[in-house]
Amino acid sequence: MKKEDFSFPLHVIMHPFDGFWDMKYEQRGKLRIVALILTLVIGAFIFQNQYAGFLVNRIDPRTLNSLSDVIQNLFAFFLWSISNWAVCTLMDGEGRFKDIMMATAYSLVPLILICYPTTLVSNVLTQEEAVFYYLLNAIALIWCAGLLVIGTMTVHQFTMGKTLVTMALTLVMAAIVIFLMLLLYSLFQQMIDFVYSIYTELIFRK
């Protein structure tokens, strides 16, 4: 990978309209950078959960599970990307699944820039200074949300209004997918229990 591939995400978050346009139409977005960004973002969440100062960390260390965090974050990323692709395809969006993944991942870069430093600093903050930790994390989330809106709008060539509608529909689609997955899991579990009950009954009858 070239040096500019690593610097391009910074260009995107500072100049999102030009950056997302170049990402798609100038082919400057790279799936390998997407994988790197996802790795760093997931690492930021795990790092924050484990090493944030006790004044701002409400997580019981006995409940921490890094593998679960990795799975949950990857699931959320791909669920959003797939749901957005499905919705925008029906609404004549121009973005490919690859473009959606890149726009989503590049939108998460502020989390990397902010979460690692704030986690380290949180260990030396006083009770009164903890508000700055929450403020910076809120800024990171708002920044990411704004980038995601611009990225979606640019990738699909939508107006702002249509972009917001499709993003709302994407959340609805994601909720439906989760509901169907839970329903299938429940049915599968019931089927296993039914087969097991028949098996045990046959065994005891012998």
Protein backbone atom coordinates (compact mmCIF):
# COMPACT_ATOMS: atom_id res chain seq x y z
CA MET A 1 0.00 0.00 0.00
CA LYS A 2 1.12 3.53 -0.75
CA LYS A 3 1.68 6.21 1.87
CA GLU A 4 -1.26 8.22 0.51
CA ASP A 5 -3.57 5.27 1.21
CA PHE A 6 -2.92 5.77 4.93
CA SER A 7 -3.25 9.57 4.80
CA PHE A 8 -6.40 9.54 2.68
CA PRO A 9 -8.76 8.73 5.61
CA LEU A 10 -7.56 11.93 7.30
CA HIS A 11 -8.36 13.84 4.11
CA VAL A 12 -11.85 12.30 4.11
CA ILE A 13 -12.72 13.35 7.66
CA MET A 14 -11.38 16.88 7.15
CA HIS A 15 -12.83 17.41 3.66
CA PRO A 16 -15.72 14.90 3.54
CA PHE A 17 -17.46 16.06 0.35
CA ASP A 18 -14.26 15.96 -1.71
CA GLY A 19 -12.96 12.93 0.17
CA PHE A 20 -15.96 10.67 -0.35
CA TRP A 21 -16.18 11.75 -3.98
CA ASP A 22 -12.53 10.84 -4.52
CA MET A 23 -13.04 7.61 -2.59
CA LYS A 24 -15.65 6.39 -5.05
CA TYR A 25 -15.12 8.14 -8.35
CA GLU A 26 -11.32 8.51 -8.24
CA GLN A 27 -10.90 4.99 -6.80
CA ARG A 28 -8.88 6.23 -3.82
CA GLY A 29 -10.70 4.06 -1.28
CA LYS A 30 -9.07 0.72 -0.44
CA LEU A 31 -10.64 -2.33 1.17
CA ARG A 32 -7.35 -3.05 2.92
CA ILE A 33 -7.62 0.33 4.64
CA VAL A 34 -11.20 -0.58 5.58
CA ALA A 35 -9.89 -3.69 7.33
CA LEU A 36 -7.23 -1.61 9.11
CA ILE A 37 -9.77 1.00 10.24
CA LEU A 38 -12.13 -1.68 11.56
CA THR A 39 -9.28 -3.31 13.46
CA LEU A 40 -8.29 0.01 15.06
CA VAL A 41 -11.90 0.96 15.88
CA ILE A 42 -12.62 -2.38 17.53
CA GLY A 43 -9.30 -2.09 19.34
CA ALA A 44 -10.32 1.38 20.56
CA PHE A 45 -13.54 0.04 22.08
CA ILE A 46 -11.75 -2.86 23.76
CA PHE A 47 -8.99 -0.54 24.99
CA GLN A 48 -11.57 1.89 26.35
CA ASN A 49 -13.55 -0.84 28.13
CA GLN A 50 -10.46 -2.29 29.78
CA TYR A 51 -8.26 0.70 30.51
CA ALA A 52 -10.49 3.77 30.95
CA GLY A 53 -10.15 5.40 34.38
CA PHE A 54 -12.42 4.18 37.15
CA LEU A 55 -14.20 7.53 37.32
CA VAL A 56 -15.62 7.08 33.80
CA ASN A 57 -15.61 3.31 33.43
CA ARG A 58 -18.79 1.63 34.65
CA ILE A 59 -18.01 -1.79 33.19
CA ASP A 60 -17.36 -4.69 35.55
CA PRO A 61 -13.94 -6.09 34.49
CA ARG A 62 -15.20 -9.60 35.28
CA THR A 63 -17.72 -9.31 32.44
CA LEU A 64 -15.22 -8.22 29.77
CA ASN A 65 -14.99 -10.47 26.74
CA SER A 66 -12.81 -9.18 23.91
CA LEU A 67 -13.94 -11.86 21.45
CA SER A 68 -17.56 -10.90 22.06
CA ASP A 69 -16.68 -7.24 21.46
CA VAL A 70 -15.02 -8.12 18.16
CA ILE A 71 -18.00 -10.17 16.97
CA GLN A 72 -20.54 -7.55 18.02
CA ASN A 73 -18.72 -4.69 16.30
CA LEU A 74 -18.16 -6.64 13.08
CA PHE A 75 -21.79 -7.73 13.12
CA ALA A 76 -22.96 -4.14 13.53
CA PHE A 77 -20.70 -2.94 10.70
CA PHE A 78 -21.81 -5.58 8.19
CA LEU A 79 -25.46 -5.37 9.29
CA TRP A 80 -25.47 -1.63 8.56
CA SER A 81 -23.65 -2.08 5.24
CA ILE A 82 -25.94 -4.88 4.03
CA SER A 83 -29.12 -3.12 5.19
CA ASN A 84 -28.06 0.15 3.56
CA TRP A 85 -27.20 -1.64 0.32
CA ALA A 86 -30.61 -3.38 0.28
CA VAL A 87 -32.55 -0.17 0.97
CA CYS A 88 -30.58 2.05 -1.41
CA THR A 89 -30.76 -0.51 -4.22
CA LEU A 90 -34.56 -0.25 -4.04
CA MET A 91 -34.31 3.55 -4.02
CA ASP A 92 -32.02 3.77 -7.06
CA GLY A 93 -28.84 4.49 -5.15
CA GLU A 94 -25.62 4.42 -7.16
CA GLY A 95 -23.40 2.98 -4.44
CA ARG A 96 -22.10 -0.56 -4.64
CA PHE A 97 -21.74 -2.73 -1.55
CA LYS A 98 -18.00 -2.07 -1.66
CA ASP A 99 -18.59 1.70 -1.70
CA ILE A 100 -20.96 1.48 1.26
CA MET A 101 -18.44 -0.49 3.32
CA MET A 102 -15.69 2.00 2.54
CA ALA A 103 -17.87 5.04 3.31
CA THR A 104 -18.99 3.48 6.60
CA ALA A 105 -15.47 2.53 7.66
CA TYR A 106 -13.88 5.86 6.70
CA SER A 107 -16.62 7.60 8.69
CA LEU A 108 -15.39 5.86 11.85
CA VAL A 109 -11.88 7.34 11.77
CA PRO A 110 -12.67 10.06 14.38
CA LEU A 111 -13.25 7.29 16.92
CA ILE A 112 -9.66 6.16 16.43
CA LEU A 113 -8.27 9.68 16.76
CA ILE A 114 -10.23 10.50 19.91
CA CYS A 115 -10.93 7.30 21.86
CA TYR A 116 -7.33 6.19 22.36
CA PRO A 117 -6.09 9.53 23.79
CA THR A 118 -9.19 10.10 25.94
CA THR A 119 -8.87 6.60 27.40
CA LEU A 120 -5.29 7.29 28.45
CA VAL A 121 -6.10 10.75 29.81
CA SER A 122 -9.12 9.42 31.74
CA ASN A 123 -6.76 7.74 34.20
CA VAL A 124 -5.48 11.10 35.48
CA LEU A 125 -8.73 13.08 35.42
CA THR A 126 -10.45 14.35 38.55
CA GLN A 127 -14.20 14.06 39.10
CA GLU A 128 -14.71 17.63 37.87
CA GLU A 129 -12.60 17.06 34.75
CA ALA A 130 -14.41 13.86 33.74
CA VAL A 131 -16.92 15.97 31.81
CA PHE A 132 -14.23 16.61 29.16
CA TYR A 133 -13.91 12.84 28.62
CA TYR A 134 -17.63 12.54 27.90
CA LEU A 135 -17.60 15.69 25.79
CA LEU A 136 -14.78 14.48 23.54
CA ASN A 137 -16.38 11.06 23.10
CA ALA A 138 -19.67 12.77 22.20
CA ILE A 139 -17.83 14.92 19.65
CA ALA A 140 -16.32 11.77 18.12
CA LEU A 141 -19.76 10.14 17.75
CA ILE A 142 -21.35 13.29 16.29
CA TRP A 143 -18.41 13.68 13.90
CA CYS A 144 -18.80 10.05 12.77
CA ALA A 145 -22.56 10.47 12.29
CA GLY A 146 -22.04 13.58 10.19
CA LEU A 147 -19.43 11.84 8.05
CA LEU A 148 -21.74 8.86 7.57
CA VAL A 149 -24.52 11.14 6.34
CA ILE A 150 -22.21 12.88 3.87
CA GLY A 151 -20.66 9.58 2.80
CA THR A 152 -24.06 7.99 2.16
CA MET A 153 -25.25 11.06 0.27
CA THR A 154 -22.13 11.18 -1.91
CA VAL A 155 -21.87 7.46 -2.62
CA HIS A 156 -25.50 7.13 -3.68
CA GLN A 157 -25.86 10.63 -5.19
CA PHE A 158 -28.89 11.40 -3.03
CA THR A 159 -30.22 14.70 -1.78
CA MET A 160 -29.88 15.39 1.95
CA GLY A 161 -33.57 14.62 2.54
CA LYS A 162 -33.44 11.33 0.68
CA THR A 163 -30.22 10.42 2.47
CA LEU A 164 -31.82 10.88 5.90
CA VAL A 165 -34.86 8.86 4.82
CA THR A 166 -32.74 5.99 3.52
CA MET A 167 -30.63 5.97 6.68
CA ALA A 168 -33.80 5.76 8.79
CA LEU A 169 -35.04 2.93 6.59
CA THR A 170 -31.65 1.26 6.96
CA LEU A 171 -32.13 1.20 10.73
CA VAL A 172 -35.60 -0.28 10.25
CA MET A 173 -34.18 -2.91 7.90
CA ALA A 174 -31.44 -3.75 10.40
CA ALA A 175 -34.06 -4.16 13.14
CA ILE A 176 -36.06 -6.50 10.90
CA VAL A 177 -32.96 -8.57 10.14
CA ILE A 178 -32.17 -8.88 13.85
CA PHE A 179 -35.78 -9.88 14.59
CA LEU A 180 -35.71 -12.57 11.87
CA MET A 181 -32.38 -13.89 13.14
CA LEU A 182 -33.73 -14.14 16.69
CA LEU A 183 -36.88 -15.82 15.38
CA LEU A 184 -34.86 -18.37 13.40
CA TYR A 185 -32.64 -18.98 16.40
CA SER A 186 -35.69 -19.56 18.60
CA LEU A 187 -37.24 -21.95 16.08
CA PHE A 188 -33.96 -23.80 15.68
CA GLN A 189 -33.61 -24.09 19.45
CA GLN A 190 -37.15 -25.43 19.76
CA MET A 191 -36.48 -27.95 17.01
CA ILE A 192 -33.36 -29.16 18.81
CA ASP A 193 -35.29 -29.49 22.08
CA PHE A 194 -38.05 -31.39 20.31
CA VAL A 195 -35.63 -33.83 18.69
CA TYR A 196 -33.79 -34.28 21.98
CA SER A 197 -37.04 -34.97 23.87
CA ILE A 198 -38.00 -37.64 21.32
CA TYR A 199 -34.54 -39.17 21.58
CA THR A 200 -34.63 -39.32 25.39
CA GLU A 201 -38.15 -40.80 25.34
CA LEU A 202 -37.04 -43.55 22.97
CA ILE A 203 -34.00 -44.28 25.11
CA PHE A 204 -36.03 -44.59 28.33
CA ARG A 205 -38.61 -46.79 26.66
CA LYS A 206 -35.91 -49.29 25.84
